[in-house]
Amino acid sequence: DLRFREKYAEEMVEELPDAEVLNGAKHTLELLPDEKDAVDDTM
């Protein structure tokens, strides 16, 4: 659900540095929810 992904992206933005906000949101919208673990590994 795109709305769920947008909500998740907004939550991620709060955890990411400003420099990664746009990239993090983009990747979250493009990737499947399962990819969340891969994103968490970079933090």
Protein backbone atom coordinates (compact mmCIF):
# COMPACT_ATOMS: atom_id res chain seq x y z
CA ASP A 1 0.00 0.00 0.00
CA LEU A 2 1.55 3.29 -1.13
CA ARG A 3 0.06 5.21 1.79
CA PHE A 4 1.63 2.76 4.25
CA ARG A 5 5.01 3.20 2.55
CA GLU A 6 4.70 6.99 2.69
CA LYS A 7 3.89 6.82 6.40
CA TYR A 8 6.87 4.50 6.96
CA ALA A 9 9.09 6.85 4.96
CA GLU A 10 8.06 9.79 7.15
CA GLU A 11 8.90 7.77 10.26
CA MET A 12 12.30 6.83 8.81
CA VAL A 13 13.06 10.46 7.98
CA GLU A 14 12.95 11.26 11.69
CA GLU A 15 15.70 8.67 12.29
CA LEU A 16 17.94 9.62 9.36
CA PRO A 17 20.40 12.53 9.16
CA ASP A 18 19.25 15.40 6.94
CA ALA A 19 21.73 14.37 4.25
CA GLU A 20 20.03 10.99 3.93
CA VAL A 21 16.40 12.06 4.35
CA LEU A 22 15.63 12.31 0.64
CA ASN A 23 17.52 9.15 -0.30
CA GLY A 24 16.01 7.23 2.59
CA ALA A 25 12.48 8.28 1.67
CA LYS A 26 13.06 7.50 -2.02
CA HIS A 27 14.46 4.06 -1.29
CA THR A 28 11.68 3.30 1.17
CA LEU A 29 9.03 4.19 -1.43
CA GLU A 30 10.78 2.07 -4.07
CA LEU A 31 11.73 -0.94 -1.95
CA LEU A 32 9.47 -3.58 -0.49
CA PRO A 33 8.82 -3.50 3.28
CA ASP A 34 11.12 -6.55 3.58
CA GLU A 35 14.04 -4.36 2.50
CA LYS A 36 13.68 -2.40 5.76
CA ASP A 37 16.25 -4.68 7.40
CA ALA A 38 18.82 -3.79 4.74
CA VAL A 39 18.24 -0.08 5.42
CA ASP A 40 18.53 -0.59 9.18
CA ASP A 41 21.94 -2.24 8.70
CA THR A 42 23.32 1.04 7.29
CA MET A 43 22.45 2.99 10.43
